[in-house]
């Protein structure tokens, strides 16, 4: 069985602008646009991009430069590289634990700007 490394997971992502015309695309990539949309009028700032990882998982990048991740009852928000690195490691571990990443299917799917397609 192949083992997906954190480095490979981290290196393949798309920053999709969080705008209404992209909501269907984001939903096809597994992003909960409703949840993100509900948080747009908070003091934390609005979402500029959603960083969607090719092999599973996503988080928000806000207009003020903060990166934001909510996993269960835990959340992280920061512009600091060390915190962002911790955030991404948590997301990678979550994706593996939850079976979001199907190790057997890693090389059979390609994420494009139009969503997921089978190779």
PDB file of N, CA and C in Angstrom:
ATOM      1  N   UNK A   1       0.838  -1.179   0.000  1.00  0.00           N
ATOM      2  CA  UNK A   1       0.000   0.000   0.000  1.00  0.00           C
ATOM      3  C   UNK A   1       0.884   1.244   0.000  1.00  0.00           C
ATOM      4  N   UNK A   2       0.508   2.256  -0.794  1.00  0.00           N
ATOM      5  CA  UNK A   2       1.243   3.508  -0.824  1.00  0.00           C
ATOM      6  C   UNK A   2       0.958   4.301   0.448  1.00  0.00           C
ATOM      7  N   UNK A   3       1.962   5.054   0.860  1.00  0.00           N
ATOM      8  CA  UNK A   3       1.765   5.953   1.989  1.00  0.00           C
ATOM      9  C   UNK A   3       1.981   7.367   1.481  1.00  0.00           C
ATOM     10  N   UNK A   4       0.980   8.180   1.623  1.00  0.00           N
ATOM     11  CA  UNK A   4       1.071   9.567   1.198  1.00  0.00           C
ATOM     12  C   UNK A   4       1.862  10.345   2.242  1.00  0.00           C
ATOM     13  N   UNK A   5       2.922  10.992   1.826  1.00  0.00           N
ATOM     14  CA  UNK A   5       3.725  11.787   2.761  1.00  0.00           C
ATOM     15  C   UNK A   5       3.079  13.148   2.981  1.00  0.00           C
ATOM     16  N   UNK A   6       3.368  13.720   4.128  1.00  0.00           N
ATOM     17  CA  UNK A   6       2.891  15.065   4.417  1.00  0.00           C
ATOM     18  C   UNK A   6       3.408  16.040   3.364  1.00  0.00           C
ATOM     19  N   UNK A   7       4.650  15.892   2.977  1.00  0.00           N
ATOM     20  CA  UNK A   7       5.269  16.798   2.013  1.00  0.00           C
ATOM     21  C   UNK A   7       4.534  16.771   0.669  1.00  0.00           C
ATOM     22  N   UNK A   8       4.164  15.567   0.216  1.00  0.00           N
ATOM     23  CA  UNK A   8       3.438  15.460  -1.049  1.00  0.00           C
ATOM     24  C   UNK A   8       2.047  16.071  -0.914  1.00  0.00           C
ATOM     25  N   UNK A   9       1.377  15.768   0.196  1.00  0.00           N
ATOM     26  CA  UNK A   9       0.053  16.329   0.448  1.00  0.00           C
ATOM     27  C   UNK A   9       0.110  17.854   0.459  1.00  0.00           C
ATOM     28  N   UNK A  10       1.070  18.404   1.204  1.00  0.00           N
ATOM     29  CA  UNK A  10       1.171  19.850   1.378  1.00  0.00           C
ATOM     30  C   UNK A  10       1.509  20.582   0.076  1.00  0.00           C
ATOM     31  N   UNK A  11       2.212  19.920  -0.814  1.00  0.00           N
ATOM     32  CA  UNK A  11       2.713  20.590  -2.014  1.00  0.00           C
ATOM     33  C   UNK A  11       1.670  20.768  -3.118  1.00  0.00           C
ATOM     34  N   UNK A  12       0.549  20.073  -3.020  1.00  0.00           N
ATOM     35  CA  UNK A  12      -0.450  20.137  -4.097  1.00  0.00           C
ATOM     36  C   UNK A  12      -1.759  20.723  -3.581  1.00  0.00           C
ATOM     37  N   UNK A  13      -1.998  21.980  -3.955  1.00  0.00           N
ATOM     38  CA  UNK A  13      -3.223  22.656  -3.519  1.00  0.00           C
ATOM     39  C   UNK A  13      -3.622  23.708  -4.541  1.00  0.00           C
ATOM     40  N   UNK A  14      -4.871  24.165  -4.405  1.00  0.00           N
ATOM     41  CA  UNK A  14      -5.404  25.258  -5.209  1.00  0.00           C
ATOM     42  C   UNK A  14      -5.953  26.316  -4.271  1.00  0.00           C
ATOM     43  N   UNK A  15      -5.653  27.585  -4.524  1.00  0.00           N
ATOM     44  CA  UNK A  15      -6.270  28.696  -3.803  1.00  0.00           C
ATOM     45  C   UNK A  15      -7.425  29.201  -4.665  1.00  0.00           C
ATOM     46  N   UNK A  16      -8.644  28.847  -4.250  1.00  0.00           N
ATOM     47  CA  UNK A  16      -9.846  29.184  -5.020  1.00  0.00           C
ATOM     48  C   UNK A  16     -10.473  30.442  -4.412  1.00  0.00           C
ATOM     49  N   UNK A  17     -10.648  31.499  -5.198  1.00  0.00           N
ATOM     50  CA  UNK A  17     -11.296  32.704  -4.672  1.00  0.00           C
ATOM     51  C   UNK A  17     -12.684  32.381  -4.113  1.00  0.00           C
ATOM     52  N   UNK A  18     -12.951  32.909  -2.916  1.00  0.00           N
ATOM     53  CA  UNK A  18     -14.255  32.669  -2.290  1.00  0.00           C
ATOM     54  C   UNK A  18     -15.247  33.718  -2.783  1.00  0.00           C
ATOM     55  N   UNK A  19     -15.790  33.439  -3.975  1.00  0.00           N
ATOM     56  CA  UNK A  19     -16.798  34.294  -4.591  1.00  0.00           C
ATOM     57  C   UNK A  19     -17.950  33.403  -5.051  1.00  0.00           C
ATOM     58  N   UNK A  20     -19.131  33.970  -5.074  1.00  0.00           N
ATOM     59  CA  UNK A  20     -20.341  33.189  -5.383  1.00  0.00           C
ATOM     60  C   UNK A  20     -20.229  32.345  -6.654  1.00  0.00           C
ATOM     61  N   UNK A  21     -19.664  32.855  -7.765  1.00  0.00           N
ATOM     62  CA  UNK A  21     -19.563  32.005  -8.962  1.00  0.00           C
ATOM     63  C   UNK A  21     -18.720  30.739  -8.753  1.00  0.00           C
ATOM     64  N   UNK A  22     -17.890  30.702  -7.709  1.00  0.00           N
ATOM     65  CA  UNK A  22     -17.056  29.525  -7.435  1.00  0.00           C
ATOM     66  C   UNK A  22     -17.673  28.569  -6.421  1.00  0.00           C
ATOM     67  N   UNK A  23     -18.859  28.873  -5.887  1.00  0.00           N
ATOM     68  CA  UNK A  23     -19.431  28.034  -4.841  1.00  0.00           C
ATOM     69  C   UNK A  23     -19.674  26.598  -5.305  1.00  0.00           C
ATOM     70  N   UNK A  24     -20.183  26.406  -6.508  1.00  0.00           N
ATOM     71  CA  UNK A  24     -20.408  25.037  -6.998  1.00  0.00           C
ATOM     72  C   UNK A  24     -19.082  24.285  -7.129  1.00  0.00           C
ATOM     73  N   UNK A  25     -18.071  24.963  -7.640  1.00  0.00           N
ATOM     74  CA  UNK A  25     -16.740  24.354  -7.751  1.00  0.00           C
ATOM     75  C   UNK A  25     -16.217  23.977  -6.375  1.00  0.00           C
ATOM     76  N   UNK A  26     -16.297  24.905  -5.416  1.00  0.00           N
ATOM     77  CA  UNK A  26     -15.822  24.623  -4.064  1.00  0.00           C
ATOM     78  C   UNK A  26     -16.579  23.463  -3.440  1.00  0.00           C
ATOM     79  N   UNK A  27     -17.892  23.436  -3.609  1.00  0.00           N
ATOM     80  CA  UNK A  27     -18.697  22.321  -3.076  1.00  0.00           C
ATOM     81  C   UNK A  27     -18.244  20.999  -3.690  1.00  0.00           C
ATOM     82  N   UNK A  28     -17.932  20.996  -4.992  1.00  0.00           N
ATOM     83  CA  UNK A  28     -17.477  19.762  -5.646  1.00  0.00           C
ATOM     84  C   UNK A  28     -16.122  19.313  -5.103  1.00  0.00           C
ATOM     85  N   UNK A  29     -15.392  20.235  -4.484  1.00  0.00           N
ATOM     86  CA  UNK A  29     -14.091  19.925  -3.893  1.00  0.00           C
ATOM     87  C   UNK A  29     -14.214  19.576  -2.407  1.00  0.00           C
ATOM     88  N   UNK A  30     -15.443  19.495  -1.902  1.00  0.00           N
ATOM     89  CA  UNK A  30     -15.663  19.104  -0.513  1.00  0.00           C
ATOM     90  C   UNK A  30     -15.684  20.255   0.474  1.00  0.00           C
ATOM     91  N   UNK A  31     -15.785  21.485  -0.009  1.00  0.00           N
ATOM     92  CA  UNK A  31     -15.779  22.668   0.851  1.00  0.00           C
ATOM     93  C   UNK A  31     -17.213  23.018   1.243  1.00  0.00           C
ATOM     94  N   UNK A  32     -17.425  23.290   2.537  1.00  0.00           N
ATOM     95  CA  UNK A  32     -18.735  23.682   3.042  1.00  0.00           C
ATOM     96  C   UNK A  32     -18.889  25.196   2.895  1.00  0.00           C
ATOM     97  N   UNK A  33     -19.366  25.640   1.736  1.00  0.00           N
ATOM     98  CA  UNK A  33     -19.476  27.075   1.466  1.00  0.00           C
ATOM     99  C   UNK A  33     -20.513  27.737   2.373  1.00  0.00           C
ATOM    100  N   UNK A  34     -21.535  26.992   2.783  1.00  0.00           N
ATOM    101  CA  UNK A  34     -22.542  27.553   3.678  1.00  0.00           C
ATOM    102  C   UNK A  34     -21.903  27.958   5.002  1.00  0.00           C
ATOM    103  N   UNK A  35     -21.078  27.082   5.560  1.00  0.00           N
ATOM    104  CA  UNK A  35     -20.421  27.363   6.836  1.00  0.00           C
ATOM    105  C   UNK A  35     -19.511  28.587   6.709  1.00  0.00           C
ATOM    106  N   UNK A  36     -18.738  28.649   5.630  1.00  0.00           N
ATOM    107  CA  UNK A  36     -17.843  29.787   5.432  1.00  0.00           C
ATOM    108  C   UNK A  36     -18.659  31.065   5.249  1.00  0.00           C
ATOM    109  N   UNK A  37     -19.705  30.989   4.464  1.00  0.00           N
ATOM    110  CA  UNK A  37     -20.534  32.167   4.178  1.00  0.00           C
ATOM    111  C   UNK A  37     -21.143  32.754   5.448  1.00  0.00           C
ATOM    112  N   UNK A  38     -21.510  31.896   6.387  1.00  0.00           N
ATOM    113  CA  UNK A  38     -22.112  32.357   7.637  1.00  0.00           C
ATOM    114  C   UNK A  38     -21.141  33.163   8.496  1.00  0.00           C
ATOM    115  N   UNK A  39     -19.848  32.985   8.293  1.00  0.00           N
ATOM    116  CA  UNK A  39     -18.862  33.659   9.146  1.00  0.00           C
ATOM    117  C   UNK A  39     -18.257  34.909   8.501  1.00  0.00           C
ATOM    118  N   UNK A  40     -18.824  35.387   7.413  1.00  0.00           N
ATOM    119  CA  UNK A  40     -18.210  36.490   6.681  1.00  0.00           C
ATOM    120  C   UNK A  40     -18.379  37.861   7.330  1.00  0.00           C
ATOM    121  N   UNK A  41     -19.326  38.007   8.207  1.00  0.00           N
ATOM    122  CA  UNK A  41     -19.569  39.315   8.829  1.00  0.00           C
ATOM    123  C   UNK A  41     -19.054  39.367  10.266  1.00  0.00           C
ATOM    124  N   UNK A  42     -17.987  38.642  10.563  1.00  0.00           N
ATOM    125  CA  UNK A  42     -17.410  38.677  11.911  1.00  0.00           C
ATOM    126  C   UNK A  42     -16.220  39.626  11.942  1.00  0.00           C
ATOM    127  N   UNK A  43     -15.732  39.913  13.130  1.00  0.00           N
ATOM    128  CA  UNK A  43     -14.582  40.810  13.287  1.00  0.00           C
ATOM    129  C   UNK A  43     -13.283  40.166  12.803  1.00  0.00           C
ATOM    130  N   UNK A  44     -13.297  38.858  12.560  1.00  0.00           N
ATOM    131  CA  UNK A  44     -12.087  38.165  12.096  1.00  0.00           C
ATOM    132  C   UNK A  44     -11.759  38.499  10.652  1.00  0.00           C
ATOM    133  N   UNK A  45     -12.724  38.963   9.895  1.00  0.00           N
ATOM    134  CA  UNK A  45     -12.493  39.318   8.496  1.00  0.00           C
ATOM    135  C   UNK A  45     -13.147  38.342   7.540  1.00  0.00           C
ATOM    136  N   UNK A  46     -13.157  38.731   6.301  1.00  0.00           N
ATOM    137  CA  UNK A  46     -13.808  37.948   5.253  1.00  0.00           C
ATOM    138  C   UNK A  46     -12.809  36.982   4.612  1.00  0.00           C
ATOM    139  N   UNK A  47     -13.337  35.901   4.049  1.00  0.00           N
ATOM    140  CA  UNK A  47     -12.521  34.900   3.371  1.00  0.00           C
ATOM    141  C   UNK A  47     -12.197  35.384   1.965  1.00  0.00           C
ATOM    142  N   UNK A  48     -10.905  35.381   1.628  1.00  0.00           N
ATOM    143  CA  UNK A  48     -10.468  35.770   0.289  1.00  0.00           C
ATOM    144  C   UNK A  48     -10.322  34.538  -0.602  1.00  0.00           C
ATOM    145  N   UNK A  49      -9.680  33.492  -0.061  1.00  0.00           N
ATOM    146  CA  UNK A  49      -9.448  32.242  -0.790  1.00  0.00           C
ATOM    147  C   UNK A  49      -9.770  31.064   0.111  1.00  0.00           C
ATOM    148  N   UNK A  50     -10.085  29.944  -0.508  1.00  0.00           N
ATOM    149  CA  UNK A  50     -10.124  28.667   0.193  1.00  0.00           C
ATOM    150  C   UNK A  50      -8.990  27.839  -0.391  1.00  0.00           C
ATOM    151  N   UNK A  51      -8.055  27.438   0.471  1.00  0.00           N
ATOM    152  CA  UNK A  51      -6.951  26.581   0.036  1.00  0.00           C
ATOM    153  C   UNK A  51      -7.440  25.140   0.103  1.00  0.00           C
ATOM    154  N   UNK A  52      -7.580  24.525  -1.070  1.00  0.00           N
ATOM    155  CA  UNK A  52      -8.091  23.162  -1.185  1.00  0.00           C
ATOM    156  C   UNK A  52      -6.920  22.259  -1.558  1.00  0.00           C
ATOM    157  N   UNK A  53      -6.651  21.279  -0.712  1.00  0.00           N
ATOM    158  CA  UNK A  53      -5.544  20.363  -0.964  1.00  0.00           C
ATOM    159  C   UNK A  53      -5.982  19.239  -1.888  1.00  0.00           C
ATOM    160  N   UNK A  54      -5.160  18.978  -2.871  1.00  0.00           N
ATOM    161  CA  UNK A  54      -5.410  17.970  -3.901  1.00  0.00           C
ATOM    162  C   UNK A  54      -5.814  16.622  -3.296  1.00  0.00           C
ATOM    163  N   UNK A  55      -5.159  16.233  -2.222  1.00  0.00           N
ATOM    164  CA  UNK A  55      -5.400  14.910  -1.635  1.00  0.00           C
ATOM    165  C   UNK A  55      -6.341  14.954  -0.436  1.00  0.00           C
ATOM    166  N   UNK A  56      -7.050  16.067  -0.237  1.00  0.00           N
ATOM    167  CA  UNK A  56      -8.045  16.136   0.828  1.00  0.00           C
ATOM    168  C   UNK A  56      -7.772  17.213   1.848  1.00  0.00           C
ATOM    169  N   UNK A  57      -8.828  17.906   2.238  1.00  0.00           N
ATOM    170  CA  UNK A  57      -8.752  18.941   3.259  1.00  0.00           C
ATOM    171  C   UNK A  57      -8.726  20.336   2.655  1.00  0.00           C
ATOM    172  N   UNK A  58      -9.123  21.315   3.468  1.00  0.00           N
ATOM    173  CA  UNK A  58      -9.137  22.707   3.035  1.00  0.00           C
ATOM    174  C   UNK A  58      -9.151  23.611   4.258  1.00  0.00           C
ATOM    175  N   UNK A  59      -8.720  24.850   4.056  1.00  0.00           N
ATOM    176  CA  UNK A  59      -8.872  25.883   5.068  1.00  0.00           C
ATOM    177  C   UNK A  59      -8.995  27.233   4.384  1.00  0.00           C
ATOM    178  N   UNK A  60      -9.349  28.252   5.172  1.00  0.00           N
ATOM    179  CA  UNK A  60      -9.602  29.590   4.630  1.00  0.00           C
ATOM    180  C   UNK A  60      -8.374  30.488   4.749  1.00  0.00           C
ATOM    181  N   UNK A  61      -8.219  31.359   3.775  1.00  0.00           N
ATOM    182  CA  UNK A  61      -7.243  32.441   3.852  1.00  0.00           C
ATOM    183  C   UNK A  61      -8.054  33.731   3.798  1.00  0.00           C
ATOM    184  N   UNK A  62      -7.925  34.534   4.859  1.00  0.00           N
ATOM    185  CA  UNK A  62      -8.743  35.729   4.996  1.00  0.00           C
ATOM    186  C   UNK A  62      -8.112  36.925   4.297  1.00  0.00           C
ATOM    187  N   UNK A  63      -8.926  37.942   4.055  1.00  0.00           N
ATOM    188  CA  UNK A  63      -8.447  39.154   3.399  1.00  0.00           C
ATOM    189  C   UNK A  63      -7.311  39.823   4.170  1.00  0.00           C
ATOM    190  N   UNK A  64      -7.300  39.672   5.508  1.00  0.00           N
ATOM    191  CA  UNK A  64      -6.256  40.282   6.335  1.00  0.00           C
ATOM    192  C   UNK A  64      -4.977  39.445   6.402  1.00  0.00           C
ATOM    193  N   UNK A  65      -4.940  38.323   5.663  1.00  0.00           N
ATOM    194  CA  UNK A  65      -3.753  37.487   5.613  1.00  0.00           C
ATOM    195  C   UNK A  65      -3.730  36.338   6.601  1.00  0.00           C
ATOM    196  N   UNK A  66      -4.688  36.311   7.528  1.00  0.00           N
ATOM    197  CA  UNK A  66      -4.760  35.185   8.453  1.00  0.00           C
ATOM    198  C   UNK A  66      -5.178  33.919   7.721  1.00  0.00           C
ATOM    199  N   UNK A  67      -4.649  32.791   8.169  1.00  0.00           N
ATOM    200  CA  UNK A  67      -5.070  31.479   7.703  1.00  0.00           C
ATOM    201  C   UNK A  67      -5.947  30.916   8.814  1.00  0.00           C
ATOM    202  N   UNK A  68      -7.124  30.360   8.441  1.00  0.00           N
ATOM    203  CA  UNK A  68      -8.082  29.888   9.436  1.00  0.00           C
ATOM    204  C   UNK A  68      -8.519  28.460   9.136  1.00  0.00           C
ATOM    205  N   UNK A  69      -8.447  27.627  10.189  1.00  0.00           N
ATOM    206  CA  UNK A  69      -8.883  26.231  10.089  1.00  0.00           C
ATOM    207  C   UNK A  69      -9.754  25.904  11.280  1.00  0.00           C
ATOM    208  N   UNK A  70     -10.886  25.269  11.016  1.00  0.00           N
ATOM    209  CA  UNK A  70     -11.775  24.746  12.050  1.00  0.00           C
ATOM    210  C   UNK A  70     -11.867  23.243  11.858  1.00  0.00           C
ATOM    211  N   UNK A  71     -11.466  22.499  12.891  1.00  0.00           N
ATOM    212  CA  UNK A  71     -11.587  21.029  12.885  1.00  0.00           C
ATOM    213  C   UNK A  71     -12.305  20.625  14.168  1.00  0.00           C
ATOM    214  N   UNK A  72     -13.535  20.184  14.037  1.00  0.00           N
ATOM    215  CA  UNK A  72     -14.295  19.795  15.221  1.00  0.00           C
ATOM    216  C   UNK A  72     -14.449  20.981  16.159  1.00  0.00           C
ATOM    217  N   UNK A  73     -14.004  20.820  17.406  1.00  0.00           N
ATOM    218  CA  UNK A  73     -14.108  21.913  18.385  1.00  0.00           C
ATOM    219  C   UNK A  73     -12.805  22.709  18.495  1.00  0.00           C
ATOM    220  N   UNK A  74     -11.850  22.428  17.628  1.00  0.00           N
ATOM    221  CA  UNK A  74     -10.572  23.150  17.633  1.00  0.00           C
ATOM    222  C   UNK A  74     -10.484  24.072  16.438  1.00  0.00           C
ATOM    223  N   UNK A  75      -9.892  25.241  16.650  1.00  0.00           N
ATOM    224  CA  UNK A  75      -9.649  26.119  15.517  1.00  0.00           C
ATOM    225  C   UNK A  75      -8.328  26.857  15.699  1.00  0.00           C
ATOM    226  N   UNK A  76      -7.770  27.264  14.573  1.00  0.00           N
ATOM    227  CA  UNK A  76      -6.501  27.977  14.520  1.00  0.00           C
ATOM    228  C   UNK A  76      -6.673  29.155  13.578  1.00  0.00           C
ATOM    229  N   UNK A  77      -6.061  30.288  13.951  1.00  0.00           N
ATOM    230  CA  UNK A  77      -6.046  31.447  13.060  1.00  0.00           C
ATOM    231  C   UNK A  77      -4.739  32.193  13.294  1.00  0.00           C
ATOM    232  N   UNK A  78      -3.996  32.383  12.204  1.00  0.00           N
ATOM    233  CA  UNK A  78      -2.718  33.067  12.355  1.00  0.00           C
ATOM    234  C   UNK A  78      -2.137  33.435  11.001  1.00  0.00           C
ATOM    235  N   UNK A  79      -1.189  34.386  11.049  1.00  0.00           N
ATOM    236  CA  UNK A  79      -0.362  34.722   9.896  1.00  0.00           C
ATOM    237  C   UNK A  79       1.048  34.149  10.075  1.00  0.00           C
ATOM    238  N   UNK A  80       1.339  33.654  11.266  1.00  0.00           N
ATOM    239  CA  UNK A  80       2.677  33.159  11.599  1.00  0.00           C
ATOM    240  C   UNK A  80       2.922  31.790  10.972  1.00  0.00           C
ATOM    241  N   UNK A  81       4.070  31.673  10.318  1.00  0.00           N
ATOM    242  CA  UNK A  81       4.413  30.436   9.596  1.00  0.00           C
ATOM    243  C   UNK A  81       4.385  29.195  10.488  1.00  0.00           C
ATOM    244  N   UNK A  82       4.884  29.290  11.718  1.00  0.00           N
ATOM    245  CA  UNK A  82       4.910  28.118  12.604  1.00  0.00           C
ATOM    246  C   UNK A  82       3.502  27.652  12.958  1.00  0.00           C
ATOM    247  N   UNK A  83       2.601  28.589  13.196  1.00  0.00           N
ATOM    248  CA  UNK A  83       1.212  28.232  13.509  1.00  0.00           C
ATOM    249  C   UNK A  83       0.534  27.640  12.280  1.00  0.00           C
ATOM    250  N   UNK A  84       0.793  28.238  11.111  1.00  0.00           N
ATOM    251  CA  UNK A  84       0.215  27.718   9.867  1.00  0.00           C
ATOM    252  C   UNK A  84       0.722  26.305   9.598  1.00  0.00           C
ATOM    253  N   UNK A  85       2.002  26.051   9.873  1.00  0.00           N
ATOM    254  CA  UNK A  85       2.569  24.713   9.694  1.00  0.00           C
ATOM    255  C   UNK A  85       1.875  23.712  10.625  1.00  0.00           C
ATOM    256  N   UNK A  86       1.673  24.092  11.875  1.00  0.00           N
ATOM    257  CA  UNK A  86       0.967  23.233  12.835  1.00  0.00           C
ATOM    258  C   UNK A  86      -0.452  22.951  12.349  1.00  0.00           C
ATOM    259  N   UNK A  87      -1.109  24.010  11.863  1.00  0.00           N
ATOM    260  CA  UNK A  87      -2.466  23.904  11.344  1.00  0.00           C
ATOM    261  C   UNK A  87      -2.543  22.879  10.212  1.00  0.00           C
ATOM    262  N   UNK A  88      -1.610  22.987   9.272  1.00  0.00           N
ATOM    263  CA  UNK A  88      -1.610  22.073   8.128  1.00  0.00           C
ATOM    264  C   UNK A  88      -1.326  20.644   8.557  1.00  0.00           C
ATOM    265  N   UNK A  89      -0.453  20.458   9.533  1.00  0.00           N
ATOM    266  CA  UNK A  89      -0.183  19.096  10.024  1.00  0.00           C
ATOM    267  C   UNK A  89      -1.421  18.498  10.683  1.00  0.00           C
ATOM    268  N   UNK A  90      -2.147  19.312  11.436  1.00  0.00           N
ATOM    269  CA  UNK A  90      -3.404  18.846  12.039  1.00  0.00           C
ATOM    270  C   UNK A  90      -4.409  18.445  10.964  1.00  0.00           C
ATOM    271  N   UNK A  91      -4.513  19.261   9.911  1.00  0.00           N
ATOM    272  CA  UNK A  91      -5.440  18.965   8.819  1.00  0.00           C
ATOM    273  C   UNK A  91      -5.040  17.690   8.089  1.00  0.00           C
ATOM    274  N   UNK A  92      -3.754  17.510   7.829  1.00  0.00           N
ATOM    275  CA  UNK A  92      -3.263  16.290   7.183  1.00  0.00           C
ATOM    276  C   UNK A  92      -3.606  15.063   8.034  1.00  0.00           C
ATOM    277  N   UNK A  93      -3.312  15.125   9.333  1.00  0.00           N
ATOM    278  CA  UNK A  93      -3.612  13.999  10.223  1.00  0.00           C
ATOM    279  C   UNK A  93      -5.107  13.701  10.249  1.00  0.00           C
ATOM    280  N   UNK A  94      -5.921  14.757  10.296  1.00  0.00           N
ATOM    281  CA  UNK A  94      -7.370  14.586  10.294  1.00  0.00           C
ATOM    282  C   UNK A  94      -7.824  13.903   9.003  1.00  0.00           C
ATOM    283  N   UNK A  95      -7.302  14.362   7.865  1.00  0.00           N
ATOM    284  CA  UNK A  95      -7.705  13.796   6.575  1.00  0.00           C
ATOM    285  C   UNK A  95      -7.347  12.314   6.493  1.00  0.00           C
ATOM    286  N   UNK A  96      -6.182  11.942   6.996  1.00  0.00           N
ATOM    287  CA  UNK A  96      -5.774  10.532   7.019  1.00  0.00           C
ATOM    288  C   UNK A  96      -6.685   9.742   7.962  1.00  0.00           C
ATOM    289  N   UNK A  97      -6.874  10.247   9.198  1.00  0.00           N
ATOM    290  CA  UNK A  97      -7.677   9.547  10.198  1.00  0.00           C
ATOM    291  C   UNK A  97      -9.129   9.370   9.773  1.00  0.00           C
ATOM    292  N   UNK A  98      -9.689  10.360   9.100  1.00  0.00           N
ATOM    293  CA  UNK A  98     -11.091  10.320   8.710  1.00  0.00           C
ATOM    294  C   UNK A  98     -11.304   9.576   7.393  1.00  0.00           C
ATOM    295  N   UNK A  99     -10.238   9.172   6.753  1.00  0.00           N
ATOM    296  CA  UNK A  99     -10.370   8.465   5.497  1.00  0.00           C
ATOM    297  C   UNK A  99     -10.702   9.374   4.332  1.00  0.00           C
ATOM    298  N   UNK A 100     -10.501  10.686   4.529  1.00  0.00           N
ATOM    299  CA  UNK A 100     -10.743  11.626   3.433  1.00  0.00           C
ATOM    300  C   UNK A 100      -9.781  11.328   2.295  1.00  0.00           C
ATOM    301  N   UNK A 101      -8.560  10.963   2.656  1.00  0.00           N
ATOM    302  CA  UNK A 101      -7.548  10.614   1.673  1.00  0.00           C
ATOM    303  C   UNK A 101      -7.590   9.107   1.473  1.00  0.00           C
ATOM    304  N   UNK A 102      -7.961   8.683   0.293  1.00  0.00           N
ATOM    305  CA  UNK A 102      -7.969   7.264  -0.045  1.00  0.00           C
ATOM    306  C   UNK A 102      -6.612   6.943  -0.658  1.00  0.00           C
ATOM    307  N   UNK A 103      -5.737   6.363   0.146  1.00  0.00           N
ATOM    308  CA  UNK A 103      -4.357   6.130  -0.264  1.00  0.00           C
ATOM    309  C   UNK A 103      -4.294   5.342  -1.572  1.00  0.00           C
ATOM    310  N   UNK A 104      -5.189   4.395  -1.759  1.00  0.00           N
ATOM    311  CA  UNK A 104      -5.182   3.580  -2.972  1.00  0.00           C
ATOM    312  C   UNK A 104      -5.572   4.390  -4.210  1.00  0.00           C
ATOM    313  N   UNK A 105      -6.316   5.469  -4.004  1.00  0.00           N
ATOM    314  CA  UNK A 105      -6.818   6.263  -5.120  1.00  0.00           C
ATOM    315  C   UNK A 105      -5.982   7.503  -5.413  1.00  0.00           C
ATOM    316  N   UNK A 106      -4.910   7.707  -4.659  1.00  0.00           N
ATOM    317  CA  UNK A 106      -4.125   8.937  -4.757  1.00  0.00           C
ATOM    318  C   UNK A 106      -3.714   9.258  -6.189  1.00  0.00           C
ATOM    319  N   UNK A 107      -3.238   8.302  -6.942  1.00  0.00           N
ATOM    320  CA  UNK A 107      -2.750   8.580  -8.278  1.00  0.00           C
ATOM    321  C   UNK A 107      -3.801   8.369  -9.369  1.00  0.00           C
ATOM    322  N   UNK A 108      -5.017   8.025  -8.983  1.00  0.00           N
ATOM    323  CA  UNK A 108      -6.055   7.769  -9.975  1.00  0.00           C
ATOM    324  C   UNK A 108      -6.952   8.976 -10.218  1.00  0.00           C
ATOM    325  N   UNK A 109      -6.817   9.996  -9.388  1.00  0.00           N
ATOM    326  CA  UNK A 109      -7.653  11.182  -9.534  1.00  0.00           C
ATOM    327  C   UNK A 109      -6.768  12.396  -9.709  1.00  0.00           C
ATOM    328  N   UNK A 110      -7.266  13.340 -10.442  1.00  0.00           N
ATOM    329  CA  UNK A 110      -6.537  14.591 -10.654  1.00  0.00           C
ATOM    330  C   UNK A 110      -7.481  15.744 -10.322  1.00  0.00           C
ATOM    331  N   UNK A 111      -7.047  16.619  -9.440  1.00  0.00           N
ATOM    332  CA  UNK A 111      -7.829  17.792  -9.094  1.00  0.00           C
ATOM    333  C   UNK A 111      -7.471  18.900 -10.071  1.00  0.00           C
ATOM    334  N   UNK A 112      -8.466  19.440 -10.701  1.00  0.00           N
ATOM    335  CA  UNK A 112      -8.231  20.507 -11.669  1.00  0.00           C
ATOM    336  C   UNK A 112      -9.020  21.737 -11.229  1.00  0.00           C
ATOM    337  N   UNK A 113      -8.928  22.784 -11.996  1.00  0.00           N
ATOM    338  CA  UNK A 113      -9.702  23.979 -11.678  1.00  0.00           C
ATOM    339  C   UNK A 113     -11.199  23.732 -11.888  1.00  0.00           C
ATOM    340  N   UNK A 114     -11.559  22.573 -12.393  1.00  0.00           N
ATOM    341  CA  UNK A 114     -12.962  22.232 -12.605  1.00  0.00           C
ATOM    342  C   UNK A 114     -13.432  21.138 -11.658  1.00  0.00           C
ATOM    343  N   UNK A 115     -12.692  20.857 -10.597  1.00  0.00           N
ATOM    344  CA  UNK A 115     -13.088  19.843  -9.637  1.00  0.00           C
ATOM    345  C   UNK A 115     -12.286  18.569  -9.829  1.00  0.00           C
ATOM    346  N   UNK A 116     -12.822  17.465  -9.386  1.00  0.00           N
ATOM    347  CA  UNK A 116     -12.130  16.189  -9.417  1.00  0.00           C
ATOM    348  C   UNK A 116     -12.516  15.435 -10.680  1.00  0.00           C
ATOM    349  N   UNK A 117     -11.525  14.927 -11.402  1.00  0.00           N
ATOM    350  CA  UNK A 117     -11.800  14.084 -12.561  1.00  0.00           C
ATOM    351  C   UNK A 117     -11.028  12.789 -12.418  1.00  0.00           C
ATOM    352  N   UNK A 118     -11.551  11.738 -12.964  1.00  0.00           N
ATOM    353  CA  UNK A 118     -10.857  10.441 -12.952  1.00  0.00           C
ATOM    354  C   UNK A 118      -9.814  10.447 -14.068  1.00  0.00           C
ATOM    355  N   UNK A 119      -8.654   9.886 -13.784  1.00  0.00           N
ATOM    356  CA  UNK A 119      -7.615   9.760 -14.822  1.00  0.00           C
ATOM    357  C   UNK A 119      -7.956   8.613 -15.746  1.00  0.00           C
TER     358      UNK A 119
END
